[in-house]
Amino acid sequence: MKKVTIYILALLFFTACSDDFLDRGSLTQLAEGNFWQTEEDAQLGINGIYAALQQNVLYGGSLNASNAAGIPQHDGLSDNAFNNWRFEGPGNFMEGNVTPFTGYFNNFWTANYRGIARANIAIQSIGSITDEGFAIESRQRLLGQAYFLRALFYMNLAIYFEEVPLILEIQTLENAYVPKNSYEEIRQAINADLERAIEFLPESYPSTLFGYATKGAALSLSARWYLYNKEYQKVADYTSQVMGLGYGLHNNYAQLFTPAGELTNEIVFSVRFIQDQSNNGETFSSTFEGIPRVNDQPMPNLVDAYRCIDGLPITESPLYNPQRRNENRDPRLTATIYFQGDIFLIHLNRPFGGNTATRFARKKFTRNNLSPEGIGVGSAGGQDWYLIRYADVLLMRAEALAELGQVNDVYPLVNQVRARVGMPAIEDVEGAGLSQSQLIEIVRHERRVELAFEGLRFFDIKRWGIIEEAINRAIADPVGPYNPQYMGRRSEVFPVPQQELDANKNLLQNPVWD
């Protein structure tokens, strides 16, 4: 029963509906027909929203699929990773070889609106169910999940596209052609949805229902959104509440990013996957048998960002050996990145030959063995994607407090994250009595090495206003043939897909791309 609860039900729901679920006619049928009659129907409808998260271009990932890299590969939109198969999306974006016609933008846009449409149906329909056995607590719990997921989809759109249509009800042919809303309108709508989610969601579920959004997930997603919008006191308030809900840091960082870490109390919210033939698998953990996956290769500047075990940068530490770059380093480095000679397929005892463009390969989240069920290393897998974990909550809080000038409260938060992997405290390396700006830089560095390859680097460098700086680091790396370039605001925001503009004359292109 480990992962069946959410997604097998969703599979049954969508087997009946197929892709026609997204057609405007079927939207009306689902809202007004015979489906939304009972609590069981409502649960199936909510499961369908979760299933939308599994799309390749969202959290399912890609293994050489055109225009479908997904958020697990979004470190390729930064200085962290080289997207070798540029046609997946991030590589072409980094090189400036994109236009509003590029399929990646349309796929990402459509996938998020698919989830929004399902959430809108659920929100409108659950309130109209007349089943007397459908208790108010159950209704609120399901509605809270729909609001949480709708906020998540809109966050994706707001971060990458900035201004998009705000659709909060079921669309019909009469109201289908809508203009864009301002970023501020989108921001307020996300805030409102997350407040409802926080109000309605429980703190926990029975273990058999692990994976559904909780109050902690809604508080943490709210903190992430407020951090993006530089509302630091809100971040401090919300993370404070999360810290009282029983989450903690798993004691084995390397194990955390394997199936053995999926149910630990560090995971605040994950997108769940099943490793079988149910079409609920993922490909972000897929690899090849002759070489580790080359889709998102660690950049040399990321490797150099990890410090030595004495806490000092490689430019200062006497422990650093440039001939053995993986020795005496922050343990998160070797848990995240394969170096030449590392065994990357245990069942074949196969070493990595260093034969990638960057000379490194991604280890975090990448499967290293055949499954007990015989699922191949290049097949769809069952690794959960961690959308929010507790270490991120601690670092969000540390950043917010640093920005608020509450510098003394920053030390224990960062030290807790470092101590989990045996790295020294700030006071023992950088020193005590640091300035606000020094602590902000420490937190930013900690986020990079703690959260590498978790799809958050673009989120960070955009809100910090350092995309140009990050791209310049990528340019300086000896990776060829790779030609990233800073295109001004076109390196910071996606264009409205041309397919959407052609279909909806009320929709206007972002001026950056006009």
Protein backbone atom coordinates (compact mmCIF):
# COMPACT_ATOMS: atom_id res chain seq x y z
CA MET A 1 0.00 0.00 0.00
CA LYS A 2 3.04 2.24 0.05
CA LYS A 3 2.06 4.54 -2.81
CA VAL A 4 -1.20 3.14 -4.05
CA THR A 5 -3.68 5.28 -2.16
CA ILE A 6 -3.49 8.50 -4.15
CA TYR A 7 -2.54 7.43 -7.60
CA ILE A 8 -4.31 4.14 -8.25
CA LEU A 9 -7.57 5.95 -7.54
CA ALA A 10 -6.48 8.72 -9.86
CA LEU A 11 -5.66 6.16 -12.52
CA LEU A 12 -9.17 4.70 -12.31
CA PHE A 13 -10.65 8.18 -12.58
CA PHE A 14 -8.66 9.09 -15.67
CA THR A 15 -9.09 5.71 -17.32
CA ALA A 16 -12.76 6.61 -17.53
CA CYS A 17 -12.16 10.20 -18.60
CA SER A 18 -8.97 9.87 -20.68
CA ASP A 19 -7.47 13.04 -22.14
CA ASP A 20 -10.96 14.32 -22.94
CA PHE A 21 -11.08 15.42 -19.32
CA LEU A 22 -9.49 18.65 -20.50
CA ASP A 23 -11.93 19.37 -23.29
CA ARG A 24 -14.32 22.19 -22.48
CA GLY A 25 -17.32 19.97 -23.09
CA SER A 26 -16.12 17.31 -20.68
CA LEU A 27 -15.41 19.95 -18.06
CA THR A 28 -19.08 20.86 -18.14
CA GLN A 29 -20.11 17.19 -18.06
CA LEU A 30 -18.01 16.49 -15.00
CA ALA A 31 -19.44 19.50 -13.18
CA GLU A 32 -23.08 18.95 -14.09
CA GLY A 33 -23.39 15.24 -14.82
CA ASN A 34 -23.43 12.20 -12.63
CA PHE A 35 -19.93 12.24 -11.23
CA TRP A 36 -19.84 14.74 -8.36
CA GLN A 37 -22.43 13.04 -6.18
CA THR A 38 -20.62 11.52 -3.18
CA GLU A 39 -17.61 11.94 -0.94
CA GLU A 40 -15.94 9.12 -2.87
CA ASP A 41 -16.42 11.08 -6.10
CA ALA A 42 -14.87 14.13 -4.46
CA GLN A 43 -11.86 12.10 -3.33
CA LEU A 44 -11.36 10.78 -6.88
CA GLY A 45 -11.58 14.31 -8.22
CA ILE A 46 -8.89 15.50 -5.79
CA ASN A 47 -6.70 12.55 -6.76
CA GLY A 48 -6.97 13.74 -10.34
CA ILE A 49 -5.38 17.07 -9.38
CA TYR A 50 -2.47 15.28 -7.75
CA ALA A 51 -2.09 13.18 -10.90
CA ALA A 52 -1.55 16.38 -12.89
CA LEU A 53 1.65 16.94 -10.90
CA GLN A 54 3.09 13.77 -12.44
CA GLN A 55 3.25 15.18 -15.96
CA ASN A 56 6.77 14.98 -17.41
CA VAL A 57 7.08 18.73 -17.94
CA LEU A 58 6.11 19.37 -14.32
CA TYR A 59 7.56 16.86 -11.83
CA GLY A 60 7.78 13.60 -13.79
CA GLY A 61 11.03 14.53 -15.51
CA SER A 62 12.48 13.55 -18.86
CA LEU A 63 14.94 11.14 -20.38
CA ASN A 64 15.61 12.63 -23.83
CA ALA A 65 12.03 13.78 -24.45
CA SER A 66 11.73 16.91 -26.56
CA ASN A 67 10.49 20.00 -24.71
CA ALA A 68 9.67 18.05 -21.55
CA ALA A 69 12.54 18.49 -19.10
CA GLY A 70 10.35 19.24 -16.10
CA ILE A 71 11.11 21.03 -12.86
CA PRO A 72 13.52 18.27 -11.71
CA GLN A 73 15.83 19.56 -14.48
CA HIS A 74 15.32 23.26 -13.85
CA ASP A 75 18.79 23.61 -12.36
CA GLY A 76 19.70 23.59 -16.06
CA LEU A 77 18.22 27.11 -16.18
CA SER A 78 21.12 28.30 -14.02
CA ASP A 79 24.79 27.89 -13.21
CA ASN A 80 24.21 24.51 -11.54
CA ALA A 81 23.67 22.19 -14.49
CA PHE A 82 24.32 21.72 -18.19
CA ASN A 83 21.30 20.37 -20.07
CA ASN A 84 23.13 18.20 -22.59
CA TRP A 85 19.99 17.39 -24.56
CA ARG A 86 19.15 21.02 -25.23
CA PHE A 87 15.91 20.09 -26.99
CA GLU A 88 14.48 19.13 -23.59
CA GLY A 89 14.14 22.85 -22.87
CA PRO A 90 16.61 24.33 -20.37
CA GLY A 91 19.64 24.03 -22.65
CA ASN A 92 18.03 25.96 -25.49
CA PHE A 93 16.77 28.58 -23.03
CA MET A 94 20.27 29.11 -21.60
CA GLU A 95 21.73 29.52 -25.09
CA GLY A 96 18.97 31.92 -26.15
CA ASN A 97 17.79 29.55 -28.89
CA VAL A 98 14.11 29.94 -28.08
CA THR A 99 11.10 31.89 -29.30
CA PRO A 100 7.42 31.96 -28.32
CA PHE A 101 7.03 29.05 -30.78
CA THR A 102 9.34 26.81 -28.70
CA GLY A 103 7.32 23.80 -27.58
CA TYR A 104 8.75 23.74 -24.06
CA PHE A 105 6.93 26.92 -23.07
CA ASN A 106 3.61 25.67 -24.41
CA ASN A 107 4.01 22.30 -22.67
CA PHE A 108 4.84 23.89 -19.32
CA TRP A 109 1.99 26.41 -19.63
CA THR A 110 -0.55 23.74 -20.60
CA ALA A 111 0.51 21.30 -17.89
CA ASN A 112 -0.04 23.87 -15.14
CA TYR A 113 -3.39 24.97 -16.53
CA ARG A 114 -4.41 21.32 -16.74
CA GLY A 115 -3.93 21.10 -12.99
CA ILE A 116 -5.70 24.42 -12.45
CA ALA A 117 -8.72 23.26 -14.47
CA ARG A 118 -9.01 20.13 -12.36
CA ALA A 119 -8.71 22.15 -9.16
CA ASN A 120 -11.42 24.57 -10.32
CA ILE A 121 -13.79 21.71 -11.04
CA ALA A 122 -13.17 20.20 -7.61
CA ILE A 123 -13.56 23.49 -5.74
CA GLN A 124 -16.85 24.32 -7.49
CA SER A 125 -18.25 20.80 -7.36
CA ILE A 126 -17.46 19.73 -3.81
CA GLY A 127 -19.60 22.52 -2.42
CA SER A 128 -22.58 21.34 -4.43
CA ILE A 129 -22.50 17.70 -3.32
CA THR A 130 -25.69 16.99 -1.35
CA ASP A 131 -24.59 13.66 0.16
CA GLU A 132 -25.66 13.97 3.81
CA GLY A 133 -22.87 11.63 4.88
CA PHE A 134 -20.23 14.01 3.51
CA ALA A 135 -19.14 15.72 6.73
CA ILE A 136 -18.01 19.33 6.79
CA GLU A 137 -14.57 18.29 8.06
CA SER A 138 -14.12 15.99 5.07
CA ARG A 139 -15.28 18.67 2.65
CA GLN A 140 -12.84 21.18 4.09
CA ARG A 141 -9.98 18.68 4.01
CA LEU A 142 -10.56 18.01 0.31
CA LEU A 143 -11.11 21.67 -0.51
CA GLY A 144 -7.91 22.56 1.32
CA GLN A 145 -5.99 20.20 -0.94
CA ALA A 146 -7.58 21.70 -4.07
CA TYR A 147 -6.67 25.23 -2.95
CA PHE A 148 -3.13 24.15 -2.08
CA LEU A 149 -2.59 22.52 -5.48
CA ARG A 150 -4.14 25.40 -7.41
CA ALA A 151 -1.78 27.78 -5.60
CA LEU A 152 1.17 25.56 -6.53
CA PHE A 153 0.27 25.53 -10.22
CA TYR A 154 -0.17 29.30 -10.24
CA MET A 155 3.15 29.76 -8.45
CA ASN A 156 4.85 27.90 -11.28
CA LEU A 157 3.19 30.17 -13.82
CA ALA A 158 3.89 33.38 -11.88
CA ILE A 159 7.59 32.61 -11.34
CA TYR A 160 8.29 31.67 -14.94
CA PHE A 161 5.74 33.68 -16.99
CA GLU A 162 4.92 36.41 -14.42
CA GLU A 163 1.64 37.62 -16.00
CA VAL A 164 -0.91 34.96 -16.99
CA PRO A 165 -4.70 34.57 -17.12
CA LEU A 166 -6.18 34.09 -13.67
CA ILE A 167 -8.89 31.45 -14.05
CA LEU A 168 -10.67 30.58 -10.82
CA GLU A 169 -13.83 28.96 -12.13
CA ILE A 170 -14.84 26.32 -14.64
CA GLN A 171 -14.48 27.65 -18.16
CA THR A 172 -17.12 27.33 -20.85
CA LEU A 173 -16.96 28.36 -24.49
CA GLU A 174 -18.51 31.68 -23.49
CA ASN A 175 -15.75 32.62 -21.03
CA ALA A 176 -12.78 30.74 -22.47
CA TYR A 177 -10.96 33.64 -24.13
CA VAL A 178 -9.56 35.63 -21.24
CA PRO A 179 -6.76 38.24 -21.10
CA LYS A 180 -3.74 38.14 -18.85
CA ASN A 181 -3.94 39.32 -15.28
CA SER A 182 -1.23 41.36 -13.60
CA TYR A 183 1.41 39.72 -11.45
CA GLU A 184 -0.10 41.47 -8.43
CA GLU A 185 -3.50 39.90 -9.10
CA ILE A 186 -1.90 36.48 -9.43
CA ARG A 187 0.06 37.03 -6.22
CA GLN A 188 -3.05 37.93 -4.25
CA ALA A 189 -4.96 34.93 -5.60
CA ILE A 190 -2.15 32.58 -4.56
CA ASN A 191 -2.09 34.17 -1.11
CA ALA A 192 -5.85 33.64 -0.76
CA ASP A 193 -5.71 30.00 -1.86
CA LEU A 194 -2.90 29.21 0.55
CA GLU A 195 -4.71 30.88 3.44
CA ARG A 196 -7.72 28.64 2.77
CA ALA A 197 -5.44 25.63 2.56
CA ILE A 198 -3.80 26.46 5.90
CA GLU A 199 -7.24 26.83 7.48
CA PHE A 200 -8.70 23.60 6.11
CA LEU A 201 -5.83 21.11 6.00
CA PRO A 202 -5.00 18.72 8.87
CA GLU A 203 -1.56 18.48 10.42
CA SER A 204 -1.26 14.83 9.43
CA TYR A 205 -3.00 11.80 7.93
CA PRO A 206 -2.85 8.09 8.70
CA SER A 207 0.37 6.55 7.37
CA THR A 208 -1.54 4.84 4.56
CA LEU A 209 -2.48 8.28 3.21
CA PHE A 210 1.03 9.73 3.24
CA GLY A 211 1.45 12.17 0.36
CA TYR A 212 -1.67 14.28 0.67
CA ALA A 213 -1.05 17.96 1.41
CA THR A 214 -1.00 18.88 5.09
CA LYS A 215 -1.12 22.12 7.05
CA GLY A 216 2.68 21.97 7.23
CA ALA A 217 2.87 21.74 3.44
CA ALA A 218 0.57 24.74 3.03
CA LEU A 219 2.51 26.80 5.58
CA SER A 220 5.81 25.89 3.91
CA LEU A 221 4.58 26.65 0.40
CA SER A 222 3.27 29.97 1.71
CA ALA A 223 6.70 30.72 3.19
CA ARG A 224 8.34 29.94 -0.15
CA TRP A 225 5.93 32.25 -1.97
CA TYR A 226 6.38 35.07 0.55
CA LEU A 227 10.16 34.64 0.31
CA TYR A 228 9.96 35.01 -3.46
CA ASN A 229 8.04 38.25 -2.95
CA LYS A 230 10.43 39.49 -0.24
CA GLU A 231 7.79 39.54 2.51
CA TYR A 232 10.29 38.39 5.10
CA GLN A 233 8.22 38.80 8.25
CA LYS A 234 5.56 36.54 6.74
CA VAL A 235 8.25 33.95 6.03
CA ALA A 236 9.41 34.14 9.63
CA ASP A 237 5.85 33.77 10.91
CA TYR A 238 4.95 30.79 8.74
CA THR A 239 8.20 28.88 9.20
CA SER A 240 7.86 29.33 12.94
CA GLN A 241 4.59 27.44 12.78
CA VAL A 242 6.11 24.68 10.63
CA MET A 243 8.88 24.17 13.17
CA GLY A 244 6.29 23.14 15.76
CA LEU A 245 4.75 20.38 13.65
CA GLY A 246 7.24 17.57 14.26
CA TYR A 247 9.44 17.74 11.16
CA GLY A 248 13.17 17.09 11.41
CA LEU A 249 16.33 16.45 9.43
CA HIS A 250 16.99 12.87 8.33
CA ASN A 251 20.32 11.67 9.67
CA ASN A 252 21.59 10.36 6.32
CA TYR A 253 21.71 13.00 3.57
CA ALA A 254 22.77 10.57 0.82
CA GLN A 255 20.05 8.06 1.68
CA LEU A 256 17.42 10.80 1.76
CA PHE A 257 17.31 11.04 -2.04
CA THR A 258 16.55 7.36 -2.55
CA PRO A 259 13.30 5.41 -1.98
CA ALA A 260 14.55 4.71 1.55
CA GLY A 261 14.18 8.40 2.38
CA GLU A 262 10.70 8.98 1.01
CA LEU A 263 8.78 8.52 4.27
CA THR A 264 11.16 10.31 6.63
CA ASN A 265 9.93 13.25 8.68
CA GLU A 266 12.09 15.63 6.62
CA ILE A 267 9.66 15.39 3.71
CA VAL A 268 7.06 18.13 4.05
CA PHE A 269 5.44 17.53 0.67
CA SER A 270 6.38 15.25 -2.20
CA VAL A 271 5.01 14.32 -5.61
CA ARG A 272 4.54 10.57 -5.34
CA PHE A 273 5.31 8.01 -8.02
CA ILE A 274 4.80 4.26 -8.42
CA GLN A 275 7.45 2.06 -10.00
CA ASP A 276 5.28 -0.31 -12.00
CA GLN A 277 3.34 -0.31 -15.25
CA SER A 278 0.53 1.97 -14.07
CA ASN A 279 1.73 5.08 -15.96
CA ASN A 280 2.42 6.73 -12.60
CA GLY A 281 6.20 6.46 -12.91
CA GLU A 282 8.86 9.14 -13.26
CA THR A 283 11.92 9.54 -15.45
CA PHE A 284 13.97 12.11 -13.50
CA SER A 285 15.71 9.20 -11.70
CA SER A 286 16.31 7.28 -14.94
CA THR A 287 19.85 6.75 -16.13
CA PHE A 288 21.74 4.79 -18.77
CA GLU A 289 23.68 1.56 -18.39
CA GLY A 290 26.87 2.74 -20.07
CA ILE A 291 27.05 6.20 -18.54
CA PRO A 292 25.16 8.09 -15.82
CA ARG A 293 22.33 10.21 -17.15
CA VAL A 294 23.79 13.05 -19.17
CA ASN A 295 20.63 15.17 -19.38
CA ASP A 296 21.52 17.46 -16.48
CA GLN A 297 25.26 17.40 -15.82
CA PRO A 298 26.72 19.22 -12.80
CA MET A 299 28.68 22.32 -13.82
CA PRO A 300 32.30 22.66 -12.61
CA ASN A 301 31.50 25.92 -10.81
CA LEU A 302 28.91 24.08 -8.73
CA VAL A 303 31.46 21.40 -7.83
CA ASP A 304 33.87 24.13 -6.73
CA ALA A 305 31.19 25.80 -4.59
CA TYR A 306 31.18 22.93 -2.08
CA ARG A 307 33.65 23.56 0.72
CA CYS A 308 36.17 21.27 2.31
CA ILE A 309 35.33 19.45 5.52
CA ASP A 310 37.09 22.16 7.50
CA GLY A 311 34.40 24.56 6.25
CA LEU A 312 36.80 26.58 4.11
CA PRO A 313 36.45 27.22 0.36
CA ILE A 314 38.71 25.18 -1.89
CA THR A 315 40.72 28.35 -2.57
CA GLU A 316 41.64 28.59 1.11
CA SER A 317 41.60 25.09 2.58
CA PRO A 318 44.89 23.17 2.95
CA LEU A 319 42.79 19.99 2.63
CA TYR A 320 41.90 20.59 -1.02
CA ASN A 321 43.67 18.47 -3.62
CA PRO A 322 42.88 19.58 -7.19
CA GLN A 323 43.88 16.12 -8.42
CA ARG A 324 41.29 14.47 -6.14
CA ARG A 325 38.51 17.03 -6.07
CA ASN A 326 36.05 14.79 -4.23
CA GLU A 327 38.26 14.13 -1.20
CA ASN A 328 37.94 16.04 2.09
CA ARG A 329 34.86 17.83 0.83
CA ASP A 330 31.42 18.62 2.21
CA PRO A 331 29.66 15.21 2.22
CA ARG A 332 26.78 16.73 0.27
CA LEU A 333 29.09 16.97 -2.73
CA THR A 334 29.64 13.23 -3.10
CA ALA A 335 26.00 12.55 -2.23
CA THR A 336 24.95 14.85 -5.09
CA ILE A 337 27.56 14.35 -7.81
CA TYR A 338 29.36 11.41 -9.42
CA PHE A 339 33.11 11.78 -9.98
CA GLN A 340 35.22 9.75 -12.36
CA GLY A 341 35.70 6.24 -10.95
CA ASP A 342 32.55 6.29 -8.81
CA ILE A 343 30.38 3.17 -9.17
CA PHE A 344 27.09 4.39 -10.60
CA LEU A 345 25.38 1.03 -11.23
CA ILE A 346 25.79 -1.25 -8.24
CA HIS A 347 24.35 -4.39 -9.84
CA LEU A 348 26.87 -4.14 -12.68
CA ASN A 349 29.74 -2.73 -10.57
CA ARG A 350 30.06 -0.13 -13.32
CA PRO A 351 32.31 2.91 -12.77
CA PHE A 352 31.70 6.36 -14.24
CA GLY A 353 34.39 7.16 -16.77
CA GLY A 354 34.12 10.92 -16.46
CA ASN A 355 33.02 10.95 -20.10
CA THR A 356 30.43 13.72 -19.93
CA ALA A 357 30.75 17.27 -21.22
CA THR A 358 31.32 18.62 -17.70
CA ARG A 359 33.25 15.51 -16.49
CA PHE A 360 30.63 15.05 -13.76
CA ALA A 361 27.21 13.38 -13.44
CA ARG A 362 24.20 13.89 -11.19
CA LYS A 363 23.89 11.38 -8.35
CA LYS A 364 21.11 12.94 -6.28
CA PHE A 365 17.75 11.32 -7.10
CA THR A 366 19.38 9.04 -9.74
CA ARG A 367 18.69 5.32 -9.31
CA ASN A 368 21.79 3.16 -9.12
CA ASN A 369 20.38 -0.35 -9.37
CA LEU A 370 17.73 -2.51 -11.00
CA SER A 371 14.59 -2.58 -8.89
CA PRO A 372 13.38 -5.77 -7.19
CA GLU A 373 10.52 -5.76 -9.70
CA GLY A 374 12.98 -5.79 -12.58
CA ILE A 375 12.29 -2.23 -13.72
CA GLY A 376 15.28 -1.13 -15.79
CA VAL A 377 17.49 1.83 -14.98
CA GLY A 378 16.15 3.65 -18.05
CA SER A 379 12.48 2.84 -17.44
CA ALA A 380 9.86 4.79 -15.53
CA GLY A 381 10.66 4.66 -11.84
CA GLY A 382 9.09 5.19 -8.44
CA GLN A 383 11.28 7.80 -6.77
CA ASP A 384 9.21 10.52 -5.11
CA TRP A 385 10.06 14.13 -5.95
CA TYR A 386 10.55 16.24 -2.82
CA LEU A 387 8.84 19.50 -3.50
CA ILE A 388 9.42 20.79 0.04
CA ARG A 389 11.62 19.37 2.76
CA TYR A 390 12.42 20.59 6.23
CA ALA A 391 15.99 21.69 5.45
CA ASP A 392 14.53 24.16 2.96
CA VAL A 393 12.15 25.44 5.64
CA LEU A 394 15.08 26.08 7.98
CA LEU A 395 17.04 27.90 5.29
CA MET A 396 14.02 29.96 4.22
CA ARG A 397 13.65 31.04 7.82
CA ALA A 398 17.37 31.80 8.11
CA GLU A 399 17.26 33.97 5.00
CA ALA A 400 14.18 35.85 6.13
CA LEU A 401 15.66 36.56 9.56
CA ALA A 402 18.93 37.69 8.00
CA GLU A 403 17.05 40.06 5.72
CA LEU A 404 15.10 41.37 8.73
CA GLY A 405 18.34 42.05 10.57
CA GLN A 406 17.72 39.41 13.26
CA VAL A 407 21.24 38.12 12.72
CA ASN A 408 21.71 36.25 15.99
CA ASP A 409 18.86 33.90 15.11
CA VAL A 410 20.44 32.91 11.80
CA TYR A 411 23.38 30.96 13.24
CA PRO A 412 21.50 28.03 14.85
CA LEU A 413 19.36 27.49 11.74
CA VAL A 414 22.29 27.22 9.33
CA ASN A 415 24.33 25.29 11.88
CA GLN A 416 21.55 22.72 12.20
CA VAL A 417 21.61 22.09 8.45
CA ARG A 418 25.41 21.86 8.43
CA ALA A 419 25.59 19.60 11.49
CA ARG A 420 23.42 16.98 9.79
CA VAL A 421 26.32 16.29 7.38
CA GLY A 422 29.12 16.92 9.88
CA MET A 423 30.13 20.34 8.57
CA PRO A 424 31.42 22.91 11.11
CA ALA A 425 29.30 25.72 12.52
CA ILE A 426 29.42 29.28 11.26
CA GLU A 427 31.12 30.47 14.45
CA ASP A 428 33.92 27.92 14.00
CA VAL A 429 34.72 28.95 10.42
CA GLU A 430 33.34 32.32 9.39
CA GLY A 431 33.24 33.59 12.97
CA ALA A 432 30.73 35.18 15.32
CA GLY A 433 29.47 38.76 15.15
CA LEU A 434 29.08 38.74 11.39
CA SER A 435 27.30 41.54 9.54
CA GLN A 436 23.87 41.22 8.00
CA SER A 437 25.29 41.11 4.47
CA GLN A 438 27.81 38.42 5.43
CA LEU A 439 25.08 36.22 6.88
CA ILE A 440 22.87 36.70 3.84
CA GLU A 441 25.71 35.45 1.63
CA ILE A 442 26.28 32.48 3.94
CA VAL A 443 22.62 31.50 3.74
CA ARG A 444 22.64 31.87 -0.04
CA HIS A 445 25.67 29.61 -0.30
CA GLU A 446 24.07 27.08 2.02
CA ARG A 447 20.95 26.97 -0.10
CA ARG A 448 23.01 26.23 -3.18
CA VAL A 449 24.91 23.25 -1.78
CA GLU A 450 22.03 21.87 0.29
CA LEU A 451 19.36 22.12 -2.42
CA ALA A 452 21.32 21.50 -5.63
CA PHE A 453 19.31 19.57 -8.25
CA GLU A 454 16.03 20.08 -6.41
CA GLY A 455 14.66 22.51 -8.99
CA LEU A 456 15.07 25.64 -6.84
CA ARG A 457 18.20 27.33 -8.22
CA PHE A 458 16.35 29.44 -10.82
CA PHE A 459 13.82 30.39 -8.14
CA ASP A 460 16.70 31.60 -5.97
CA ILE A 461 18.85 33.46 -8.49
CA LYS A 462 15.84 35.22 -10.00
CA ARG A 463 14.56 36.60 -6.71
CA TRP A 464 18.11 37.53 -5.68
CA GLY A 465 18.55 39.42 -8.95
CA ILE A 466 21.74 37.55 -9.91
CA ILE A 467 20.73 35.66 -13.07
CA GLU A 468 23.32 37.53 -15.12
CA GLU A 469 26.01 36.73 -12.56
CA ALA A 470 25.00 33.06 -12.56
CA ILE A 471 25.03 32.83 -16.35
CA ASN A 472 28.46 34.42 -16.42
CA ARG A 473 29.68 31.62 -14.13
CA ALA A 474 28.27 29.11 -16.57
CA ILE A 475 29.95 30.90 -19.47
CA ALA A 476 33.30 30.75 -17.68
CA ASP A 477 33.11 26.99 -17.11
CA PRO A 478 35.13 24.78 -19.48
CA VAL A 479 32.13 22.97 -20.96
CA GLY A 480 31.87 22.51 -24.67
CA PRO A 481 30.10 22.78 -26.89
CA TYR A 482 27.93 24.98 -24.68
CA ASN A 483 27.27 28.65 -25.27
CA PRO A 484 25.03 30.11 -22.58
CA GLN A 485 24.41 33.81 -22.87
CA TYR A 486 22.61 36.44 -20.85
CA MET A 487 19.73 37.84 -22.88
CA GLY A 488 18.57 40.45 -20.38
CA ARG A 489 15.00 39.94 -19.25
CA ARG A 490 14.61 37.16 -21.82
CA SER A 491 16.84 35.08 -19.55
CA GLU A 492 14.46 35.72 -16.65
CA VAL A 493 10.93 35.20 -17.97
CA PHE A 494 9.29 32.74 -20.35
CA PRO A 495 7.27 34.06 -23.31
CA VAL A 496 3.56 33.44 -23.59
CA PRO A 497 3.38 30.45 -25.97
CA GLN A 498 2.53 31.41 -29.53
CA GLN A 499 -0.03 28.62 -29.67
CA GLU A 500 -1.96 30.34 -26.87
CA LEU A 501 -1.74 33.73 -28.57
CA ASP A 502 -3.05 32.26 -31.82
CA ALA A 503 -5.97 30.60 -30.05
CA ASN A 504 -6.91 33.55 -27.81
CA LYS A 505 -6.89 37.02 -29.38
CA ASN A 506 -7.48 38.58 -25.96
CA LEU A 507 -4.12 37.32 -24.78
CA LEU A 508 -1.08 39.57 -25.25
CA GLN A 509 2.60 38.65 -25.33
CA ASN A 510 4.88 39.66 -22.47
CA PRO A 511 6.51 42.92 -23.64
CA VAL A 512 9.91 41.33 -23.04
CA TRP A 513 9.18 38.95 -25.91
CA ASP A 514 6.94 41.14 -28.04
